[in-house]
Amino acid sequence: MQMTSRERVLRAMRRQSVDYVPFSPSFNALSDAQRRGKRWSFPWGAVAV
């Protein structure tokens, strides 16, 4: 199955079969001291304190 990156991401979000799982690393470069007392919203909807 050959698909474009767009098709792959859309199918993965719909929990449909894909040729391989798309992956995009995400990280917060701030230290604990810089994050303290601030909310961090993740792109997938979770919120951490």
N, C-alpha and C. Protein backbone atom coordinates (compact mmCIF):
# COMPACT_ATOMS: atom_id res chain seq x y z
N MET A 1 0.85 -1.17 0.00
CA MET A 1 0.00 0.00 0.00
C MET A 1 0.91 1.24 0.00
N GLN A 2 0.86 2.04 -1.03
CA GLN A 2 1.66 3.26 -1.14
C GLN A 2 0.73 4.45 -0.88
N MET A 3 1.08 5.31 0.08
CA MET A 3 0.24 6.47 0.38
C MET A 3 1.09 7.69 0.66
N THR A 4 0.47 8.85 0.51
CA THR A 4 1.17 10.10 0.79
C THR A 4 1.22 10.32 2.30
N SER A 5 2.07 11.23 2.74
CA SER A 5 2.16 11.52 4.17
C SER A 5 0.83 12.05 4.71
N ARG A 6 0.16 12.85 3.89
CA ARG A 6 -1.15 13.38 4.31
C ARG A 6 -2.17 12.26 4.50
N GLU A 7 -2.24 11.36 3.53
CA GLU A 7 -3.16 10.23 3.64
C GLU A 7 -2.84 9.39 4.87
N ARG A 8 -1.55 9.17 5.10
CA ARG A 8 -1.11 8.35 6.23
C ARG A 8 -1.55 8.96 7.55
N VAL A 9 -1.35 10.25 7.72
CA VAL A 9 -1.72 10.92 8.97
C VAL A 9 -3.24 10.91 9.15
N LEU A 10 -3.98 11.21 8.09
CA LEU A 10 -5.45 11.22 8.19
C LEU A 10 -5.98 9.83 8.53
N ARG A 11 -5.44 8.80 7.89
CA ARG A 11 -5.89 7.43 8.17
C ARG A 11 -5.52 7.02 9.60
N ALA A 12 -4.33 7.41 10.06
CA ALA A 12 -3.92 7.07 11.42
C ALA A 12 -4.82 7.76 12.44
N MET A 13 -5.19 9.00 12.18
CA MET A 13 -6.09 9.72 13.10
C MET A 13 -7.48 9.09 13.13
N ARG A 14 -7.87 8.47 12.04
CA ARG A 14 -9.17 7.77 11.97
C ARG A 14 -9.07 6.32 12.45
N ARG A 15 -7.85 5.94 12.90
CA ARG A 15 -7.58 4.57 13.36
C ARG A 15 -7.82 3.54 12.27
N GLN A 16 -7.46 3.91 11.03
CA GLN A 16 -7.52 3.00 9.91
C GLN A 16 -6.12 2.46 9.64
N SER A 17 -6.02 1.43 8.82
CA SER A 17 -4.71 0.83 8.56
C SER A 17 -3.83 1.76 7.72
N VAL A 18 -2.54 1.74 8.03
CA VAL A 18 -1.55 2.55 7.32
C VAL A 18 -0.35 1.67 6.99
N ASP A 19 0.49 2.12 6.04
CA ASP A 19 1.66 1.33 5.68
C ASP A 19 2.72 1.35 6.78
N TYR A 20 2.86 2.47 7.48
CA TYR A 20 3.66 2.53 8.70
C TYR A 20 3.14 3.67 9.55
N VAL A 21 3.43 3.62 10.84
CA VAL A 21 2.88 4.60 11.78
C VAL A 21 3.63 5.92 11.66
N PRO A 22 2.91 7.02 11.40
CA PRO A 22 3.58 8.32 11.34
C PRO A 22 4.05 8.73 12.73
N PHE A 23 5.18 9.40 12.79
CA PHE A 23 5.77 9.79 14.07
C PHE A 23 6.37 11.18 13.96
N SER A 24 6.08 12.00 14.92
CA SER A 24 6.67 13.32 14.98
C SER A 24 7.05 13.60 16.44
N PRO A 25 8.35 13.66 16.73
CA PRO A 25 8.75 13.91 18.11
C PRO A 25 8.32 15.31 18.57
N SER A 26 7.86 15.37 19.78
CA SER A 26 7.43 16.64 20.36
C SER A 26 8.04 16.74 21.75
N PHE A 27 8.63 17.88 22.08
CA PHE A 27 9.23 18.02 23.39
C PHE A 27 9.14 19.47 23.84
N ASN A 28 9.28 19.66 25.14
CA ASN A 28 9.27 20.98 25.74
C ASN A 28 10.68 21.26 26.21
N ALA A 29 11.32 22.25 25.63
CA ALA A 29 12.72 22.54 25.96
C ALA A 29 12.89 23.33 27.25
N LEU A 30 11.81 23.70 27.90
CA LEU A 30 11.93 24.45 29.15
C LEU A 30 12.30 23.53 30.31
N SER A 31 13.07 24.05 31.24
CA SER A 31 13.44 23.28 32.43
C SER A 31 12.27 23.24 33.41
N ASP A 32 12.38 22.39 34.43
CA ASP A 32 11.32 22.32 35.45
C ASP A 32 11.10 23.68 36.11
N ALA A 33 12.18 24.41 36.40
CA ALA A 33 12.06 25.72 37.05
C ALA A 33 11.33 26.71 36.15
N GLN A 34 11.56 26.65 34.84
CA GLN A 34 10.88 27.57 33.92
C GLN A 34 9.40 27.21 33.76
N ARG A 35 9.06 25.93 33.87
CA ARG A 35 7.67 25.48 33.70
C ARG A 35 6.85 25.62 34.97
N ARG A 36 7.50 25.69 36.12
CA ARG A 36 6.80 25.67 37.40
C ARG A 36 5.72 26.75 37.46
N GLY A 37 4.50 26.32 37.80
CA GLY A 37 3.39 27.25 37.94
C GLY A 37 2.71 27.61 36.64
N LYS A 38 3.18 27.07 35.52
CA LYS A 38 2.58 27.38 34.22
C LYS A 38 1.92 26.13 33.66
N ARG A 39 0.82 26.31 32.95
CA ARG A 39 0.14 25.18 32.31
C ARG A 39 0.77 24.92 30.95
N TRP A 40 0.83 23.67 30.56
CA TRP A 40 1.36 23.28 29.27
C TRP A 40 0.28 22.50 28.53
N SER A 41 -0.16 23.01 27.40
CA SER A 41 -1.19 22.33 26.61
C SER A 41 -0.53 21.53 25.50
N PHE A 42 -0.81 20.25 25.45
CA PHE A 42 -0.27 19.37 24.42
C PHE A 42 -1.14 19.43 23.18
N PRO A 43 -0.57 19.21 21.99
CA PRO A 43 -1.36 19.28 20.75
C PRO A 43 -2.48 18.26 20.69
N TRP A 44 -2.38 17.17 21.46
CA TRP A 44 -3.40 16.13 21.40
C TRP A 44 -4.49 16.34 22.45
N GLY A 45 -4.46 17.48 23.17
CA GLY A 45 -5.57 17.82 24.06
C GLY A 45 -5.32 17.66 25.53
N ALA A 46 -4.29 16.92 25.94
CA ALA A 46 -4.02 16.75 27.37
C ALA A 46 -3.41 18.03 27.92
N VAL A 47 -3.64 18.26 29.18
CA VAL A 47 -3.07 19.44 29.84
C VAL A 47 -2.28 18.98 31.05
N ALA A 48 -1.07 19.46 31.19
CA ALA A 48 -0.23 19.14 32.33
C ALA A 48 0.01 20.41 33.14
N VAL A 49 0.24 20.24 34.41
CA VAL A 49 0.50 21.39 35.28
C VAL A 49 1.95 21.37 35.67
